[in-house]
């Protein structure tokens, strides 16, 4: 660790992150290196962002070519990378229109606006409430914090945006009870990431989707962490056989650059008109060039490999005595431990050369989607050695 960089960071960067004592200076694929040249196997992918790992050469070439051609243009003009990305996403998902933003939180804010505008146009004022789930996480802006169903985040920043109700996950009656004439949408993660890597029950999800359709309440699925192949399908909603009215993406879509996306289905594709929503950097040509490469790489064969590797990883982890259970889908895994404390395990992992995350009381793994079976075996061996000490 470079002491000068650590000191500069502490002196000039707001202390909002409990950083580990690690300065990453370069990386390639699943591996990265600190200032002393020590190698780490990365099972975090920047919290699900580096979908193709560090510095994938095809991704680098696509981004570099665009950097040398056009770095930015206002959304008052057309841009080829933006238009092609929108087309690719629509054709891949079956959605009708896309709005590009800069982050998951911003995408979720856009989804809230879209749902409320749809309901206002059709039913008038007063039908603006959105049901989210207890233990959910939708972002850190004032509105997405309000949407987040965790009390631990509901502090300090009062007053929050109004208009959210919280139902119990996997409790259909809880949702059914809250849906009344004031509700315009239900918003949920199909795998609650920050909430502990917990996949929702399929019966619950399909029941909620059916109820929403019956009552013309829009179904919003937050796929900021689960989307773009993370679960072994391009969208996690494919596992549940549902077609949300609105889907949000971010993280892995850009392959390492900041992007968010609001995907609109048939019902609300044309709901937002001129000047009703916007963002300066959304659809940036460089970011979209990177995202176009990511989408081209993540084809059906790639997705099948993610699903297979996820199952293999899970099976190997379940053989470790200290691991009580493994939750999640694809390469989005949560390890419930029998006696160890997850934060201590992650700290020990840094010392041993493996980067992991936490989610509530669990160890969370979000490896790059390009991780190989040999790298999975190496990671499992390292995790086992940490948990057995």
Protein backbone atom coordinates (compact mmCIF):
# COMPACT_ATOMS: atom_id res chain seq x y z
CA UNK A 1 0.00 0.00 0.00
CA UNK A 2 1.39 3.42 -0.98
CA UNK A 3 1.25 5.50 2.20
CA UNK A 4 1.15 8.78 0.31
CA UNK A 5 -1.91 7.73 -1.72
CA UNK A 6 -3.63 6.48 1.43
CA UNK A 7 -2.90 9.78 3.22
CA UNK A 8 -4.05 11.87 0.24
CA UNK A 9 -7.25 9.87 0.02
CA UNK A 10 -7.99 10.29 3.73
CA UNK A 11 -7.27 14.02 3.56
CA UNK A 12 -9.21 14.90 0.44
CA UNK A 13 -11.84 12.22 -0.29
CA UNK A 14 -15.03 12.24 1.81
CA UNK A 15 -14.81 9.37 4.26
CA UNK A 16 -17.92 7.53 3.02
CA UNK A 17 -16.17 4.21 2.29
CA UNK A 18 -14.62 1.84 4.80
CA UNK A 19 -11.75 1.01 2.46
CA UNK A 20 -9.63 -2.11 2.85
CA UNK A 21 -5.88 -1.62 3.08
CA UNK A 22 -5.38 -2.37 -0.60
CA UNK A 23 -4.46 -0.17 -3.55
CA UNK A 24 -5.19 -1.90 -6.86
CA UNK A 25 -3.04 -0.54 -9.67
CA UNK A 26 -3.71 -2.87 -12.61
CA UNK A 27 -5.58 -5.98 -13.63
CA UNK A 28 -6.27 -8.44 -16.42
CA UNK A 29 -9.16 -10.88 -16.53
CA UNK A 30 -9.95 -12.21 -13.05
CA UNK A 31 -6.62 -11.14 -11.55
CA UNK A 32 -5.42 -7.78 -10.29
CA UNK A 33 -2.25 -6.49 -8.64
CA UNK A 34 -1.35 -4.06 -5.89
CA UNK A 35 1.53 -1.56 -5.80
CA UNK A 36 3.95 -4.26 -4.64
CA UNK A 37 3.01 -6.58 -7.49
CA UNK A 38 1.05 -8.99 -5.28
CA UNK A 39 -1.61 -10.89 -7.24
CA UNK A 40 -5.24 -11.15 -6.18
CA UNK A 41 -8.06 -13.25 -7.61
CA UNK A 42 -11.05 -10.94 -7.79
CA UNK A 43 -14.46 -12.38 -6.88
CA UNK A 44 -16.09 -8.95 -6.63
CA UNK A 45 -15.76 -7.53 -10.16
CA UNK A 46 -16.13 -4.03 -8.74
CA UNK A 47 -19.46 -5.09 -7.16
CA UNK A 48 -20.70 -6.70 -10.35
CA UNK A 49 -19.41 -4.08 -12.79
CA UNK A 50 -16.45 -5.76 -14.52
CA UNK A 51 -18.61 -8.36 -16.24
CA UNK A 52 -15.75 -9.34 -18.57
CA UNK A 53 -13.08 -8.91 -15.91
CA UNK A 54 -10.28 -6.38 -15.86
CA UNK A 55 -9.28 -4.81 -19.16
CA UNK A 56 -10.71 -7.33 -21.62
CA UNK A 57 -8.71 -6.58 -24.76
CA UNK A 58 -11.72 -6.48 -27.10
CA UNK A 59 -13.51 -4.12 -24.71
CA UNK A 60 -10.39 -1.95 -24.41
CA UNK A 61 -10.10 -1.76 -28.20
CA UNK A 62 -13.77 -0.77 -28.61
CA UNK A 63 -13.55 1.93 -25.96
CA UNK A 64 -10.17 3.25 -27.16
CA UNK A 65 -11.36 3.48 -30.75
CA UNK A 66 -14.35 5.52 -29.60
CA UNK A 67 -12.19 7.74 -27.35
CA UNK A 68 -10.14 8.69 -30.40
CA UNK A 69 -13.24 9.36 -32.47
CA UNK A 70 -15.81 11.17 -30.30
CA UNK A 71 -15.67 11.49 -26.52
CA UNK A 72 -19.01 13.17 -25.86
CA UNK A 73 -21.91 14.88 -27.52
CA UNK A 74 -25.10 16.35 -26.13
CA UNK A 75 -28.31 14.34 -26.25
CA UNK A 76 -29.60 17.10 -28.51
CA UNK A 77 -27.83 15.21 -31.30
CA UNK A 78 -27.75 11.62 -32.57
CA UNK A 79 -24.94 9.23 -31.69
CA UNK A 80 -24.29 5.91 -33.41
CA UNK A 81 -23.04 3.99 -30.30
CA UNK A 82 -26.12 5.07 -28.33
CA UNK A 83 -28.60 4.17 -31.07
CA UNK A 84 -26.98 0.80 -31.75
CA UNK A 85 -26.93 -0.06 -28.05
CA UNK A 86 -30.62 0.78 -27.68
CA UNK A 87 -31.42 -1.42 -30.69
CA UNK A 88 -29.34 -4.30 -29.34
CA UNK A 89 -30.98 -4.15 -25.91
CA UNK A 90 -34.50 -3.99 -27.34
CA UNK A 91 -33.88 -6.91 -29.67
CA UNK A 92 -32.28 -8.90 -26.87
CA UNK A 93 -34.95 -8.32 -24.24
CA UNK A 94 -38.17 -7.63 -26.14
CA UNK A 95 -38.54 -4.19 -24.59
CA UNK A 96 -39.67 -1.36 -26.88
CA UNK A 97 -37.68 1.69 -25.80
CA UNK A 98 -34.63 2.48 -23.67
CA UNK A 99 -33.54 5.52 -21.69
CA UNK A 100 -29.83 5.69 -20.82
CA UNK A 101 -28.62 7.07 -17.51
CA UNK A 102 -25.37 6.92 -15.54
CA UNK A 103 -26.01 4.51 -12.67
CA UNK A 104 -28.42 2.03 -11.16
CA UNK A 105 -29.86 4.58 -8.78
CA UNK A 106 -30.51 6.99 -11.62
CA UNK A 107 -32.11 4.22 -13.67
CA UNK A 108 -34.40 3.39 -10.75
CA UNK A 109 -35.32 7.06 -10.38
CA UNK A 110 -36.24 7.05 -14.06
CA UNK A 111 -38.37 3.95 -13.56
CA UNK A 112 -40.26 5.67 -10.74
CA UNK A 113 -40.95 8.70 -12.92
CA UNK A 114 -42.01 6.52 -15.85
CA UNK A 115 -44.47 4.51 -13.73
CA UNK A 116 -46.01 7.58 -12.15
CA UNK A 117 -46.36 9.37 -15.48
CA UNK A 118 -48.05 6.32 -17.05
CA UNK A 119 -50.56 6.19 -14.23
CA UNK A 120 -51.13 9.97 -14.24
CA UNK A 121 -51.86 9.95 -17.97
CA UNK A 122 -54.35 7.11 -17.67
CA UNK A 123 -55.93 7.63 -14.25
CA UNK A 124 -55.10 11.16 -13.14
CA UNK A 125 -53.68 12.36 -9.81
CA UNK A 126 -53.55 10.22 -6.68
CA UNK A 127 -52.47 6.92 -8.22
CA UNK A 128 -48.76 7.31 -7.49
CA UNK A 129 -47.73 4.88 -4.73
CA UNK A 130 -45.11 2.22 -5.41
CA UNK A 131 -44.84 -1.04 -3.51
CA UNK A 132 -41.31 -2.35 -2.86
CA UNK A 133 -40.14 -5.26 -0.75
CA UNK A 134 -38.72 -5.40 2.75
CA UNK A 135 -34.97 -6.11 2.59
CA UNK A 136 -34.69 -4.56 -0.87
CA UNK A 137 -32.03 -2.12 -2.07
CA UNK A 138 -32.61 0.30 -4.95
CA UNK A 139 -29.96 3.00 -4.56
CA UNK A 140 -28.65 5.88 -2.45
CA UNK A 141 -30.41 8.94 -3.81
CA UNK A 142 -33.18 10.36 -1.64
CA UNK A 143 -35.90 8.71 -3.71
CA UNK A 144 -34.19 5.34 -4.17
CA UNK A 145 -33.36 5.27 -0.46
CA UNK A 146 -37.06 5.77 0.17
CA UNK A 147 -37.76 2.87 -2.19
CA UNK A 148 -35.25 0.69 -0.34
CA UNK A 149 -37.01 -1.53 2.19
CA UNK A 150 -34.31 -1.54 4.87
CA UNK A 151 -34.55 0.60 8.00
CA UNK A 152 -30.77 0.72 8.33
CA UNK A 153 -30.67 3.08 5.34
CA UNK A 154 -33.56 5.22 6.57
CA UNK A 155 -31.73 7.63 8.79
CA UNK A 156 -30.07 11.07 8.83
CA UNK A 157 -31.47 12.32 5.52
CA UNK A 158 -35.08 13.10 6.38
CA UNK A 159 -37.48 13.92 4.88
CA UNK A 160 -37.48 11.16 2.29
CA UNK A 161 -39.51 11.15 -0.89
CA UNK A 162 -43.05 10.02 -0.16
CA UNK A 163 -45.05 7.42 -2.02
CA UNK A 164 -43.59 4.02 -1.11
CA UNK A 165 -45.12 1.04 0.66
CA UNK A 166 -43.22 -2.05 1.78
CA UNK A 167 -44.48 -5.61 1.38
CA UNK A 168 -42.88 -8.77 2.71
CA UNK A 169 -40.83 -10.71 0.18
CA UNK A 170 -42.32 -14.08 -0.76
CA UNK A 171 -45.59 -13.17 0.96
CA UNK A 172 -48.17 -12.67 -1.80
CA UNK A 173 -50.92 -11.69 0.63
CA UNK A 174 -48.71 -8.87 1.91
CA UNK A 175 -48.50 -7.44 -1.62
CA UNK A 176 -52.17 -8.10 -2.34
CA UNK A 177 -53.18 -6.26 0.82
CA UNK A 178 -51.23 -3.14 -0.16
CA UNK A 179 -52.42 -2.87 -3.76
CA UNK A 180 -55.28 -0.40 -3.83
CA UNK A 181 -56.40 2.49 -6.04
CA UNK A 182 -53.40 4.58 -4.93
CA UNK A 183 -50.77 2.17 -6.31
CA UNK A 184 -49.21 2.61 -9.75
CA UNK A 185 -46.37 0.06 -9.59
CA UNK A 186 -44.67 -2.79 -7.77
CA UNK A 187 -40.86 -2.69 -7.81
CA UNK A 188 -38.61 -5.59 -6.83
CA UNK A 189 -35.24 -7.28 -7.23
CA UNK A 190 -35.59 -10.93 -8.21
CA UNK A 191 -32.43 -11.67 -6.25
CA UNK A 192 -32.01 -9.32 -3.31
CA UNK A 193 -28.30 -8.54 -3.58
CA UNK A 194 -27.46 -6.15 -0.75
CA UNK A 195 -30.17 -7.89 1.27
CA UNK A 196 -28.19 -11.12 1.42
CA UNK A 197 -28.19 -12.61 -2.10
CA UNK A 198 -31.68 -14.04 -1.67
CA UNK A 199 -33.62 -15.20 -4.73
CA UNK A 200 -37.37 -14.69 -4.58
CA UNK A 201 -39.71 -17.68 -4.85
CA UNK A 202 -40.92 -18.26 -8.40
CA UNK A 203 -44.55 -18.73 -7.32
CA UNK A 204 -44.48 -15.41 -5.47
CA UNK A 205 -43.00 -13.56 -8.44
CA UNK A 206 -45.45 -14.99 -10.98
CA UNK A 207 -48.38 -14.29 -8.65
CA UNK A 208 -47.34 -10.67 -8.22
CA UNK A 209 -46.83 -10.30 -11.98
CA UNK A 210 -50.32 -11.68 -12.60
CA UNK A 211 -51.89 -9.37 -10.03
CA UNK A 212 -50.11 -6.35 -11.51
CA UNK A 213 -51.36 -7.22 -14.99
CA UNK A 214 -54.92 -7.67 -13.72
CA UNK A 215 -54.98 -4.31 -11.98
CA UNK A 216 -52.94 -2.39 -14.60
CA UNK A 217 -50.25 -1.79 -12.01
CA UNK A 218 -46.83 -1.64 -13.65
CA UNK A 219 -44.27 -4.25 -12.67
CA UNK A 220 -40.76 -2.80 -12.30
CA UNK A 221 -37.87 -5.24 -11.97
CA UNK A 222 -34.59 -3.82 -10.70
CA UNK A 223 -31.89 -5.79 -12.55
CA UNK A 224 -29.06 -3.42 -11.72
CA UNK A 225 -27.08 -6.29 -10.20
CA UNK A 226 -28.77 -9.34 -11.74
CA UNK A 227 -28.94 -8.17 -15.36
CA UNK A 228 -26.61 -8.65 -18.33
CA UNK A 229 -25.84 -12.32 -17.71
CA UNK A 230 -25.02 -12.30 -14.02
CA UNK A 231 -27.52 -15.09 -13.21
CA UNK A 232 -26.91 -17.18 -16.33
CA UNK A 233 -29.72 -15.52 -18.28
CA UNK A 234 -29.45 -12.12 -19.90
CA UNK A 235 -32.19 -10.96 -17.51
CA UNK A 236 -33.01 -12.68 -14.25
CA UNK A 237 -36.70 -12.30 -15.13
CA UNK A 238 -36.17 -15.07 -17.71
CA UNK A 239 -35.71 -17.53 -14.83
CA UNK A 240 -39.19 -16.57 -13.61
CA UNK A 241 -40.91 -16.52 -17.02
CA UNK A 242 -42.21 -12.98 -16.58
CA UNK A 243 -42.17 -9.87 -18.79
CA UNK A 244 -41.86 -6.76 -16.61
CA UNK A 245 -43.30 -3.47 -17.82
CA UNK A 246 -40.09 -1.71 -16.78
CA UNK A 247 -36.61 -3.15 -16.21
CA UNK A 248 -33.58 -1.28 -14.93
CA UNK A 249 -29.97 -2.15 -15.75
CA UNK A 250 -26.54 -0.79 -14.81
CA UNK A 251 -23.33 -2.30 -13.38
CA UNK A 252 -22.27 -5.09 -15.78
CA UNK A 253 -23.77 -3.42 -18.85
CA UNK A 254 -20.85 -1.01 -19.26
CA UNK A 255 -18.13 -3.56 -18.53
CA UNK A 256 -16.34 -1.06 -16.29
CA UNK A 257 -17.73 2.31 -17.32
CA UNK A 258 -20.73 4.02 -15.66
CA UNK A 259 -24.10 3.41 -17.29
CA UNK A 260 -27.71 2.87 -16.32
CA UNK A 261 -30.70 1.97 -18.47
CA UNK A 262 -34.48 2.07 -18.14
CA UNK A 263 -36.14 -0.51 -20.38
CA UNK A 264 -39.79 0.14 -21.18
CA UNK A 265 -42.28 -2.45 -22.39
CA UNK A 266 -45.27 -1.93 -24.67
CA UNK A 267 -47.47 -0.21 -22.08
CA UNK A 268 -45.18 2.67 -21.26
CA UNK A 269 -42.74 2.89 -24.17
CA UNK A 270 -44.10 6.27 -25.28
CA UNK A 271 -45.07 7.65 -21.87
CA UNK A 272 -42.22 10.15 -21.51
CA UNK A 273 -42.12 12.93 -24.09
CA UNK A 274 -39.81 15.83 -24.84
CA UNK A 275 -38.23 17.50 -21.76
CA UNK A 276 -39.95 15.15 -19.29
CA UNK A 277 -36.69 13.42 -18.41
CA UNK A 278 -33.03 13.79 -19.29
CA UNK A 279 -29.41 13.54 -18.21
CA UNK A 280 -26.23 15.15 -19.49
CA UNK A 281 -24.02 12.06 -19.70
CA UNK A 282 -26.59 9.34 -20.41
CA UNK A 283 -25.84 7.57 -23.68
CA UNK A 284 -22.23 8.83 -23.74
CA UNK A 285 -20.52 7.46 -26.90
CA UNK A 286 -17.52 5.98 -25.06
CA UNK A 287 -19.64 4.19 -22.47
CA UNK A 288 -22.04 2.92 -25.13
CA UNK A 289 -19.15 1.62 -27.23
CA UNK A 290 -18.02 -0.46 -24.26
CA UNK A 291 -21.57 -1.66 -23.60
CA UNK A 292 -22.03 -2.64 -27.25
CA UNK A 293 -18.97 -4.86 -26.97
CA UNK A 294 -20.29 -6.42 -23.75
CA UNK A 295 -23.61 -7.26 -25.41
CA UNK A 296 -21.85 -8.76 -28.41
CA UNK A 297 -19.78 -11.02 -26.13
CA UNK A 298 -22.66 -12.19 -23.97
CA UNK A 299 -24.39 -14.48 -26.46
CA UNK A 300 -26.37 -17.66 -25.72
CA UNK A 301 -23.25 -19.85 -25.46
CA UNK A 302 -21.67 -17.36 -23.06
CA UNK A 303 -24.82 -17.32 -20.90
CA UNK A 304 -24.96 -21.11 -20.82
CA UNK A 305 -21.37 -21.16 -19.60
CA UNK A 306 -22.19 -18.68 -16.83
CA UNK A 307 -25.08 -20.87 -15.67
CA UNK A 308 -22.90 -24.00 -15.72
CA UNK A 309 -20.00 -22.32 -13.92
CA UNK A 310 -22.39 -20.94 -11.32
CA UNK A 311 -23.71 -24.42 -10.57
CA UNK A 312 -20.18 -25.84 -10.42
CA UNK A 313 -18.99 -23.03 -8.11
CA UNK A 314 -21.98 -23.55 -5.82
CA UNK A 315 -21.45 -27.31 -5.61
CA UNK A 316 -17.76 -26.90 -4.74
CA UNK A 317 -18.51 -24.28 -2.08
CA UNK A 318 -21.18 -26.47 -0.48
CA UNK A 319 -18.50 -29.10 0.14
CA UNK A 320 -16.72 -26.75 2.56
CA UNK A 321 -17.61 -27.68 6.13
CA UNK A 322 -17.85 -24.10 7.46
CA UNK A 323 -20.35 -23.06 4.78
CA UNK A 324 -23.90 -23.72 5.98
CA UNK A 325 -25.59 -22.86 2.67
CA UNK A 326 -25.07 -21.10 -0.66
CA UNK A 327 -27.79 -18.83 -2.06
CA UNK A 328 -28.19 -16.93 -5.32
CA UNK A 329 -28.31 -17.63 -9.05
CA UNK A 330 -25.55 -18.07 -11.62
CA UNK A 331 -22.40 -16.22 -10.62
CA UNK A 332 -24.19 -14.22 -7.92
CA UNK A 333 -23.62 -16.23 -4.76
CA UNK A 334 -24.07 -15.68 -1.02
CA UNK A 335 -22.27 -17.85 1.53
CA UNK A 336 -23.97 -18.35 4.89
CA UNK A 337 -21.29 -19.34 7.40
CA UNK A 338 -21.71 -21.53 10.47
CA UNK A 339 -19.42 -19.69 12.89
CA UNK A 340 -17.14 -17.24 11.08
CA UNK A 341 -18.00 -13.53 10.69
CA UNK A 342 -18.27 -12.54 7.04
CA UNK A 343 -16.42 -9.23 7.39
CA UNK A 344 -13.50 -11.01 9.09
CA UNK A 345 -13.40 -13.57 6.29
CA UNK A 346 -13.25 -10.84 3.65
CA UNK A 347 -10.41 -9.08 5.49
CA UNK A 348 -8.49 -12.33 5.78
CA UNK A 349 -9.11 -12.94 2.10
CA UNK A 350 -7.40 -9.67 1.21
CA UNK A 351 -4.34 -10.80 3.17
CA UNK A 352 -4.35 -14.16 1.38
CA UNK A 353 -4.86 -12.68 -2.10
CA UNK A 354 -8.56 -13.13 -2.79
CA UNK A 355 -11.14 -10.32 -3.01
CA UNK A 356 -14.67 -11.01 -1.79
CA UNK A 357 -17.65 -8.95 -0.60
CA UNK A 358 -20.24 -9.03 2.17
CA UNK A 359 -24.03 -8.85 2.05
CA UNK A 360 -25.65 -8.68 5.49
CA UNK A 361 -24.18 -11.63 7.41
CA UNK A 362 -23.07 -13.46 4.26
CA UNK A 363 -19.94 -13.51 2.15
CA UNK A 364 -20.98 -12.37 -1.34
CA UNK A 365 -19.26 -13.50 -4.54
CA UNK A 366 -19.69 -11.66 -7.84
CA UNK A 367 -16.79 -12.91 -9.96
CA UNK A 368 -16.26 -11.73 -13.52
CA UNK A 369 -18.46 -13.77 -15.86
CA UNK A 370 -15.34 -14.89 -17.73
CA UNK A 371 -13.91 -16.76 -14.73
CA UNK A 372 -12.60 -20.20 -15.75
CA UNK A 373 -13.11 -23.55 -14.03
CA UNK A 374 -9.43 -23.56 -13.01
CA UNK A 375 -9.86 -20.12 -11.44
CA UNK A 376 -13.00 -21.32 -9.64
CA UNK A 377 -11.05 -24.28 -8.25
CA UNK A 378 -8.28 -21.95 -7.11
CA UNK A 379 -10.79 -19.63 -5.45
CA UNK A 380 -12.56 -22.49 -3.68
CA UNK A 381 -9.24 -23.80 -2.38
CA UNK A 382 -8.34 -20.34 -1.03
CA UNK A 383 -11.76 -19.85 0.57
CA UNK A 384 -11.54 -23.28 2.18
CA UNK A 385 -8.13 -22.52 3.66
CA UNK A 386 -9.42 -19.23 5.09
CA UNK A 387 -12.53 -20.81 6.61
CA UNK A 388 -10.65 -23.76 8.12
CA UNK A 389 -8.17 -21.57 10.02
